[in-house]
Amino acid sequence: MEDKLYVTPNEFTGSDVERINQAIEAVAGTGRRVVIPRRNRTGDGERDVWVLDSAILVQSDTTLELNNCHIKLSDRSRDNMIRSANCGLGITDIRAMRGIYIYGVGNVVLKGADNPRATGDSAKRLVKNNEDAHGEFHASYGADAGVPGESQKGDWRNIGILLACVEDFRVENLKIKDSHAWAISLERCASGYIGNIKFNSREGKVIDGEHRVIRNQDGLDLREGCHDITIENLSGNTGDAMLAPTNLADPDGGEPGSLETTEVSGSKYRGESDDLYNIYMRNISGHSVGGHCLVLLLNTRKGRLYNVVLDSVIDTSPADHPCAATVIIGSKRYGGLVPLGCTRRLFISNISGASKNTILIAGTLADSFITNVVHGGETGDPVTLDIDANQMRNVEMSNLISPG
């Protein structure tokens, strides 16, 4: 192979994803980068799309440049679009990785399958027709529904871009359309940057001429153990929350490599290292087509959430279909309220609401600031409390504006 600064999958043979992964293996740790170009040159000619039957596996010390290309999951795939190579089915010992950089140049689109085999998180059972769900929230479309030998629930394979136990990373300048569940998820990752991501999911899609329900189409999720991460310039529309730093650590949680969880590194609580902290988020614009919320800040009774900055959020919910809230803090749904002090040091500012609630505080909160909040609804307040006053401590609020 010619010694140059980059390689492309067009220099290798095999399926599209095989050629991409061969290129990554060839450059990992060398300082060169992999460039996926717009033109996909195969033995049968050229195409303008790269079709994935399984996940692109990124290695440590790898730069993956997506150059004006379109990447799509095939209907055969039941896997991520991109995953850090240290994790996967049956991998119980996930080694740490570092130095993973994924960025787009020009118009880069990552798209879900035309007919996904599975969608939704691990709490969702697969159904083929909306009527099979009978209005049940815990159901999501999947062509694998009823297929013998195939898992009948969603899992972490439905996530678009999945990084686990990665330090020093960047993901930027991408458009993600029709994700099968969360578009991007980080697990136990640190010292990274996510920026300039545009989402386009609508809590479902038309398949075989009919609209099928697809649950859990979050934009970006940060799970337990994530810290020292900057997030900026997220936009578009998502089926569920656009941005969800959610620490759902559980002493009885799932093990790594299992299909019983939506977290490939496992949701089992590992102590203070599973805290979610030092997260800086700015310039978030869009809405949840499913009517959920734009930003969700949440932790359970074990994993703590602290030192979080959220600045400049514009809710674009249409007037005839407002979301439940622009920002939600906490919840009683995941084992009840967390002890006072487990969610603390949240700095929330410059929020423009267009939902039923602008900021909804539904869990305990301490030592925090909320300022410059404009409620866009015809009725309601900029900040709504769904907790008792004694479940907050040292929370300062200022410049809260209600409808005129």
Protein backbone atom coordinates (compact mmCIF):
# COMPACT_ATOMS: atom_id res chain seq x y z
CA MET A 1 0.00 0.00 0.00
CA GLU A 2 1.25 3.48 -0.82
CA ASP A 3 2.62 5.31 2.20
CA LYS A 4 0.43 8.42 2.39
CA LEU A 5 -1.42 10.47 4.99
CA TYR A 6 -4.72 8.62 4.55
CA VAL A 7 -6.32 5.51 3.13
CA THR A 8 -9.81 4.91 1.78
CA PRO A 9 -11.99 1.80 1.81
CA ASN A 10 -11.78 1.85 -1.98
CA GLU A 11 -8.29 0.37 -1.63
CA PHE A 12 -9.65 -2.87 -0.11
CA THR A 13 -11.95 -5.72 -1.15
CA GLY A 14 -15.09 -7.14 0.42
CA SER A 15 -18.42 -5.70 1.49
CA ASP A 16 -18.71 -1.99 2.24
CA VAL A 17 -18.28 -2.41 6.00
CA GLU A 18 -15.52 -5.00 5.58
CA ARG A 19 -13.53 -2.56 3.45
CA ILE A 20 -14.08 0.29 5.93
CA ASN A 21 -12.96 -1.84 8.87
CA GLN A 22 -9.91 -3.09 6.95
CA ALA A 23 -8.91 0.51 6.31
CA ILE A 24 -9.30 1.35 10.00
CA GLU A 25 -7.17 -1.61 11.04
CA ALA A 26 -4.50 -0.58 8.55
CA VAL A 27 -4.07 2.93 9.97
CA ALA A 28 -4.84 2.49 13.68
CA GLY A 29 -2.02 3.97 15.73
CA THR A 30 -0.05 5.18 12.68
CA GLY A 31 -1.11 8.81 12.65
CA ARG A 32 -2.79 8.42 9.26
CA ARG A 33 -6.55 8.77 8.84
CA VAL A 34 -9.27 6.83 7.09
CA VAL A 35 -11.27 8.87 4.58
CA ILE A 36 -14.65 7.55 3.44
CA PRO A 37 -15.31 9.47 0.19
CA ARG A 38 -18.62 10.12 -1.50
CA ARG A 39 -17.89 7.68 -4.33
CA ASN A 40 -18.02 4.02 -3.31
CA ARG A 41 -16.02 2.12 -5.92
CA THR A 42 -16.82 -1.59 -6.02
CA GLY A 43 -16.16 -4.39 -8.47
CA ASP A 44 -19.62 -3.73 -9.90
CA GLY A 45 -19.04 -0.01 -10.51
CA GLU A 46 -19.62 3.09 -8.40
CA ARG A 47 -22.31 4.12 -5.93
CA ASP A 48 -23.04 7.26 -3.90
CA VAL A 49 -23.90 5.35 -0.73
CA TRP A 50 -22.04 3.06 1.65
CA VAL A 51 -24.30 0.29 2.99
CA LEU A 52 -23.49 -1.31 6.35
CA ASP A 53 -24.43 -4.90 7.18
CA SER A 54 -22.74 -4.48 10.58
CA ALA A 55 -21.01 -1.78 12.61
CA ILE A 56 -17.97 0.27 11.66
CA LEU A 57 -15.51 -0.55 14.47
CA VAL A 58 -13.23 2.34 15.42
CA GLN A 59 -9.88 1.68 17.09
CA SER A 60 -7.69 3.72 19.44
CA ASP A 61 -5.61 6.48 17.86
CA THR A 62 -7.82 6.57 14.78
CA THR A 63 -9.19 9.49 12.77
CA LEU A 64 -12.23 8.66 10.66
CA GLU A 65 -13.08 11.36 8.12
CA LEU A 66 -16.46 11.15 6.43
CA ASN A 67 -16.09 13.25 3.30
CA ASN A 68 -19.39 14.26 1.70
CA CYS A 69 -20.53 10.65 1.99
CA HIS A 70 -23.84 8.97 2.74
CA ILE A 71 -23.79 5.91 5.00
CA LYS A 72 -26.82 3.70 5.53
CA LEU A 73 -27.68 0.59 7.52
CA SER A 74 -28.89 -2.30 5.38
CA ASP A 75 -32.10 -4.18 6.13
CA ARG A 76 -29.87 -7.16 7.04
CA SER A 77 -28.08 -5.26 9.79
CA ARG A 78 -29.00 -5.49 13.44
CA ASP A 79 -26.08 -3.49 14.70
CA ASN A 80 -24.79 0.01 15.35
CA MET A 81 -23.65 2.35 12.60
CA ILE A 82 -20.35 3.05 14.38
CA ARG A 83 -19.05 1.46 17.62
CA SER A 84 -15.80 1.60 19.54
CA ALA A 85 -14.07 -1.73 18.83
CA ASN A 86 -13.49 -2.54 22.50
CA CYS A 87 -17.10 -3.58 23.16
CA GLY A 88 -19.81 -5.79 21.72
CA LEU A 89 -21.81 -8.94 22.17
CA GLY A 90 -20.20 -11.25 24.75
CA ILE A 91 -17.34 -8.85 25.58
CA THR A 92 -17.42 -8.67 29.38
CA ASP A 93 -13.99 -7.08 29.91
CA ILE A 94 -14.04 -3.77 28.03
CA ARG A 95 -10.54 -2.35 27.72
CA ALA A 96 -10.12 1.41 27.74
CA MET A 97 -9.55 3.14 24.41
CA ARG A 98 -8.35 6.64 23.59
CA GLY A 99 -7.83 8.97 20.68
CA ILE A 100 -10.93 8.37 18.55
CA TYR A 101 -11.88 11.19 16.18
CA ILE A 102 -14.92 11.00 13.90
CA TYR A 103 -15.77 14.05 11.82
CA GLY A 104 -17.68 14.99 8.72
CA VAL A 105 -16.58 17.20 5.84
CA GLY A 106 -19.34 18.72 3.75
CA ASN A 107 -22.74 17.05 3.59
CA VAL A 108 -22.45 13.82 5.57
CA VAL A 109 -25.57 11.75 6.33
CA LEU A 110 -25.84 8.61 8.47
CA LYS A 111 -29.21 6.94 7.99
CA GLY A 112 -31.11 4.03 9.50
CA ALA A 113 -32.35 1.05 7.50
CA ASP A 114 -35.38 1.20 5.22
CA ASN A 115 -36.91 -1.70 7.17
CA PRO A 116 -35.14 -2.00 10.56
CA ARG A 117 -34.91 -5.42 12.14
CA ALA A 118 -35.24 -3.87 15.60
CA THR A 119 -35.79 -0.45 17.17
CA GLY A 120 -36.17 0.99 20.65
CA ASP A 121 -34.33 0.39 23.91
CA SER A 122 -34.13 -2.77 25.99
CA ALA A 123 -37.49 -2.11 27.62
CA LYS A 124 -39.31 -2.26 24.28
CA ARG A 125 -40.71 -5.42 22.75
CA LEU A 126 -40.71 -5.67 18.98
CA VAL A 127 -43.93 -5.44 16.97
CA LYS A 128 -44.50 -5.40 13.22
CA ASN A 129 -47.75 -3.47 13.16
CA ASN A 130 -48.86 -0.55 15.27
CA GLU A 131 -52.08 -2.35 16.14
CA ASP A 132 -50.04 -5.17 17.69
CA ALA A 133 -48.91 -2.73 20.36
CA HIS A 134 -52.52 -1.89 21.36
CA GLY A 135 -51.40 1.58 22.36
CA GLU A 136 -48.63 0.15 24.52
CA PHE A 137 -45.71 2.52 25.12
CA HIS A 138 -43.39 -0.44 25.71
CA ALA A 139 -43.43 -1.55 22.07
CA SER A 140 -41.46 -0.48 19.01
CA TYR A 141 -41.27 -1.56 15.38
CA GLY A 142 -38.97 -4.38 14.31
CA ALA A 143 -38.97 -6.71 11.29
CA ASP A 144 -37.55 -9.38 13.65
CA ALA A 145 -40.80 -9.42 15.64
CA GLY A 146 -41.97 -13.01 15.88
CA VAL A 147 -38.86 -14.38 14.10
CA PRO A 148 -37.63 -17.56 15.86
CA GLY A 149 -34.19 -17.31 17.39
CA GLU A 150 -34.06 -13.50 17.32
CA SER A 151 -34.25 -11.29 20.40
CA GLN A 152 -37.72 -9.86 20.74
CA LYS A 153 -36.58 -6.71 22.52
CA GLY A 154 -34.47 -3.72 21.62
CA ASP A 155 -30.91 -3.40 22.93
CA TRP A 156 -27.68 -1.40 22.54
CA ARG A 157 -27.30 -2.56 18.91
CA ASN A 158 -30.06 -0.09 17.99
CA ILE A 159 -27.88 2.90 18.90
CA GLY A 160 -26.38 4.80 15.94
CA ILE A 161 -22.93 5.81 17.23
CA LEU A 162 -21.87 4.02 20.44
CA LEU A 163 -18.65 4.74 22.33
CA ALA A 164 -17.82 2.92 25.57
CA CYS A 165 -14.86 3.53 27.90
CA VAL A 166 -13.20 5.96 25.49
CA GLU A 167 -11.04 8.90 26.59
CA ASP A 168 -9.98 11.76 24.32
CA PHE A 169 -12.55 11.70 21.51
CA ARG A 170 -14.37 13.96 19.07
CA VAL A 171 -17.56 13.43 17.06
CA GLU A 172 -18.62 16.36 14.89
CA ASN A 173 -20.26 17.69 11.72
CA LEU A 174 -22.75 14.90 11.05
CA LYS A 175 -26.41 14.53 10.11
CA ILE A 176 -28.17 11.48 11.57
CA LYS A 177 -31.54 10.47 10.14
CA ASP A 178 -34.06 7.81 11.21
CA SER A 179 -31.96 6.31 14.01
CA HIS A 180 -33.20 2.98 15.38
CA ALA A 181 -32.98 4.28 18.96
CA TRP A 182 -30.55 6.85 20.43
CA ALA A 183 -28.57 8.46 17.61
CA ILE A 184 -25.40 8.79 19.74
CA SER A 185 -24.64 7.31 23.16
CA LEU A 186 -21.56 7.65 25.36
CA GLU A 187 -20.86 5.20 28.20
CA ARG A 188 -18.10 5.82 30.73
CA CYS A 189 -16.34 8.21 28.33
CA ALA A 190 -14.18 11.20 29.28
CA SER A 191 -12.35 14.23 27.91
CA GLY A 192 -14.29 14.56 24.70
CA TYR A 193 -16.22 16.82 22.36
CA ILE A 194 -19.51 16.39 20.48
CA GLY A 195 -20.49 19.22 18.16
CA ASN A 196 -22.41 20.34 15.09
CA ILE A 197 -24.78 17.39 14.95
CA LYS A 198 -28.15 17.65 13.19
CA PHE A 199 -30.83 15.06 13.96
CA ASN A 200 -33.81 14.09 11.84
CA SER A 201 -36.04 11.48 13.48
CA ARG A 202 -39.80 11.57 14.00
CA GLU A 203 -40.67 8.73 16.44
CA GLY A 204 -41.41 6.51 13.47
CA LYS A 205 -41.25 6.19 9.71
CA VAL A 206 -43.24 4.92 6.75
CA ILE A 207 -42.48 1.25 6.05
CA ASP A 208 -44.38 -0.70 3.39
CA GLY A 209 -46.71 2.23 2.96
CA GLU A 210 -47.69 2.55 6.63
CA HIS A 211 -46.35 4.64 9.49
CA ARG A 212 -44.59 2.45 12.09
CA VAL A 213 -43.84 3.61 15.62
CA ILE A 214 -40.14 3.77 16.57
CA ARG A 215 -39.47 4.54 20.24
CA ASN A 216 -36.48 6.07 22.03
CA GLN A 217 -35.15 8.14 19.14
CA ASP A 218 -33.09 10.38 21.44
CA GLY A 219 -30.40 12.53 19.89
CA LEU A 220 -27.41 12.33 22.24
CA ASP A 221 -27.33 10.38 25.52
CA LEU A 222 -24.57 10.46 28.13
CA ARG A 223 -24.72 7.57 30.54
CA GLU A 224 -22.95 6.77 33.81
CA GLY A 225 -19.26 7.44 34.19
CA CYS A 226 -19.12 10.24 31.61
CA HIS A 227 -17.19 13.35 32.60
CA ASP A 228 -15.26 16.34 31.26
CA ILE A 229 -17.20 16.52 28.00
CA THR A 230 -18.19 19.53 25.88
CA ILE A 231 -21.34 19.44 23.75
CA GLU A 232 -22.43 22.23 21.43
CA ASN A 233 -24.51 23.07 18.38
CA LEU A 234 -27.12 20.31 18.36
CA SER A 235 -30.17 20.95 16.18
CA GLY A 236 -33.07 19.42 14.28
CA ASN A 237 -35.81 17.14 15.53
CA THR A 238 -35.79 13.88 17.43
CA GLY A 239 -38.43 11.34 18.34
CA ASP A 240 -37.54 11.56 22.03
CA ALA A 241 -35.24 13.92 23.98
CA MET A 242 -32.57 15.63 21.89
CA LEU A 243 -30.00 15.74 24.70
CA ALA A 244 -30.12 13.42 27.70
CA PRO A 245 -27.33 13.29 30.29
CA THR A 246 -28.94 10.43 32.23
CA ASN A 247 -27.10 8.45 34.88
CA LEU A 248 -29.22 5.34 35.44
CA ALA A 249 -26.65 3.30 37.36
CA ASP A 250 -28.27 0.43 39.21
CA PRO A 251 -26.72 -2.05 41.71
CA ASP A 252 -28.78 -4.75 39.99
CA GLY A 253 -28.09 -3.48 36.47
CA GLY A 254 -27.11 -5.52 33.43
CA GLU A 255 -23.64 -6.91 32.74
CA PRO A 256 -21.32 -5.82 29.88
CA GLY A 257 -21.83 -7.51 26.52
CA SER A 258 -25.37 -8.61 27.33
CA LEU A 259 -28.41 -8.03 25.12
CA GLU A 260 -30.56 -7.49 28.20
CA THR A 261 -29.61 -3.82 28.43
CA THR A 262 -29.31 -0.71 26.28
CA GLU A 263 -25.77 -0.21 27.61
CA VAL A 264 -23.03 -2.33 26.08
CA SER A 265 -20.74 -1.69 29.06
CA GLY A 266 -23.49 -2.68 31.48
CA SER A 267 -25.67 -0.52 33.72
CA LYS A 268 -24.47 -2.12 36.96
CA TYR A 269 -23.30 0.50 39.48
CA ARG A 270 -19.53 0.49 40.02
CA GLY A 271 -19.19 3.18 42.66
CA GLU A 272 -18.24 6.85 42.43
CA SER A 273 -16.49 6.30 39.09
CA ASP A 274 -19.99 6.03 37.62
CA ASP A 275 -20.90 9.61 38.56
CA LEU A 276 -21.86 11.89 35.67
CA TYR A 277 -20.11 15.25 36.03
CA ASN A 278 -18.21 18.17 34.46
CA ILE A 279 -20.48 18.40 31.41
CA TYR A 280 -20.67 21.65 29.41
CA MET A 281 -23.56 22.02 26.90
CA ARG A 282 -24.46 25.02 24.75
CA ASN A 283 -26.45 26.05 21.66
CA ILE A 284 -29.20 23.43 21.57
CA SER A 285 -32.06 24.11 19.14
CA GLY A 286 -34.96 21.89 18.07
CA HIS A 287 -37.86 19.87 19.41
CA SER A 288 -39.10 16.38 20.17
CA VAL A 289 -41.60 15.20 17.56
CA GLY A 290 -42.81 12.63 20.09
CA GLY A 291 -43.74 15.46 22.46
CA HIS A 292 -41.27 14.51 25.18
CA CYS A 293 -38.63 17.15 26.03
CA LEU A 294 -35.65 18.84 24.46
CA VAL A 295 -33.17 18.29 27.33
CA LEU A 296 -33.42 15.67 30.11
CA LEU A 297 -31.13 15.80 33.16
CA LEU A 298 -31.59 12.69 35.27
CA ASN A 299 -29.87 10.38 37.73
CA THR A 300 -30.95 7.47 39.94
CA ARG A 301 -30.43 6.94 43.66
CA LYS A 302 -26.91 5.62 43.12
CA GLY A 303 -25.12 7.54 40.37
CA ARG A 304 -24.74 11.26 41.06
CA LEU A 305 -25.08 14.17 38.61
CA TYR A 306 -23.16 17.40 39.26
CA ASN A 307 -21.14 20.25 37.74
CA VAL A 308 -23.35 20.57 34.65
CA VAL A 309 -23.63 23.73 32.54
CA LEU A 310 -26.55 24.12 30.12
CA ASP A 311 -26.55 27.41 28.20
CA SER A 312 -28.56 28.74 25.25
CA VAL A 313 -31.47 26.42 24.46
CA ILE A 314 -34.12 27.34 21.88
CA ASP A 315 -37.24 25.18 21.84
CA THR A 316 -38.82 25.07 18.36
CA SER A 317 -41.88 23.00 19.27
CA PRO A 318 -44.83 23.86 17.00
CA ALA A 319 -47.73 25.61 18.72
CA ASP A 320 -50.15 22.81 17.82
CA HIS A 321 -47.87 20.08 19.21
CA PRO A 322 -45.86 21.40 22.16
CA CYS A 323 -43.48 19.13 24.03
CA ALA A 324 -44.04 18.24 27.67
CA ALA A 325 -41.12 20.49 28.63
CA THR A 326 -38.08 22.22 27.20
CA VAL A 327 -35.86 21.05 30.08
CA ILE A 328 -36.70 18.36 32.64
CA ILE A 329 -34.63 17.89 35.80
CA GLY A 330 -35.10 14.63 37.69
CA SER A 331 -37.89 12.09 37.85
CA LYS A 332 -39.76 9.89 40.31
CA ARG A 333 -39.99 7.05 37.77
CA TYR A 334 -36.58 5.45 38.27
CA GLY A 335 -36.72 4.14 41.83
CA GLY A 336 -38.12 7.32 43.35
CA LEU A 337 -36.50 10.64 44.21
CA VAL A 338 -32.75 10.66 44.72
CA PRO A 339 -31.42 11.89 48.07
CA LEU A 340 -31.04 15.65 48.28
CA GLY A 341 -27.53 16.55 47.11
CA CYS A 342 -27.11 13.76 44.55
CA THR A 343 -28.23 16.19 41.84
CA ARG A 344 -26.36 19.42 42.42
CA ARG A 345 -24.38 22.28 40.89
CA LEU A 346 -26.49 22.64 37.77
CA PHE A 347 -26.00 25.98 36.00
CA ILE A 348 -28.88 26.55 33.57
CA SER A 349 -29.22 29.79 31.60
CA ASN A 350 -30.74 31.43 28.52
CA ILE A 351 -33.65 29.08 27.88
CA SER A 352 -36.34 29.98 25.33
CA GLY A 353 -39.34 27.70 25.82
CA ALA A 354 -42.14 26.70 23.46
CA SER A 355 -43.49 23.69 25.38
CA LYS A 356 -46.15 23.14 28.01
CA ASN A 357 -43.46 23.62 30.63
CA THR A 358 -40.18 25.41 30.04
CA ILE A 359 -38.17 24.05 32.98
CA LEU A 360 -39.84 21.23 34.90
CA ILE A 361 -38.13 20.26 38.16
CA ALA A 362 -39.35 16.75 38.96
CA GLY A 363 -36.52 15.60 41.25
CA THR A 364 -34.39 16.85 44.11
CA LEU A 365 -31.97 19.67 43.37
CA ALA A 366 -29.28 21.45 45.38
CA ASP A 367 -26.71 24.24 45.04
CA SER A 368 -27.81 25.34 41.56
CA PHE A 369 -28.59 28.42 39.47
CA ILE A 370 -31.40 28.92 36.94
CA THR A 371 -31.47 32.25 35.11
CA ASN A 372 -32.78 33.99 31.97
CA VAL A 373 -35.73 31.73 31.21
CA VAL A 374 -38.61 32.79 28.96
CA HIS A 375 -41.76 30.67 28.93
CA GLY A 376 -43.34 30.63 25.48
CA GLY A 377 -46.69 29.01 26.26
CA GLU A 378 -49.91 30.94 26.61
CA THR A 379 -50.22 29.75 30.20
CA GLY A 380 -47.82 28.41 32.80
CA ASP A 381 -44.61 29.52 34.44
CA PRO A 382 -40.97 29.56 33.34
CA VAL A 383 -40.13 27.07 36.11
CA THR A 384 -42.59 24.45 37.31
CA LEU A 385 -42.03 22.44 40.48
CA ASP A 386 -43.27 18.86 40.64
CA ILE A 387 -41.64 18.36 44.05
CA ASP A 388 -42.06 19.78 47.55
CA ALA A 389 -40.09 22.86 48.57
CA ASN A 390 -38.07 20.86 51.10
CA GLN A 391 -36.73 18.72 48.25
CA MET A 392 -34.68 21.69 46.99
CA ARG A 393 -31.78 23.42 48.73
CA ASN A 394 -29.81 26.54 47.75
CA VAL A 395 -31.38 26.91 44.31
CA GLU A 396 -31.20 30.48 43.02
CA MET A 397 -33.57 31.59 40.23
CA SER A 398 -33.57 34.93 38.43
CA ASN A 399 -34.89 36.66 35.30
CA LEU A 400 -37.84 34.34 34.80
CA ILE A 401 -40.32 35.71 32.26
CA SER A 402 -43.93 34.50 31.87
CA PRO A 403 -46.28 35.18 28.94
CA GLY A 404 -47.11 38.88 28.57
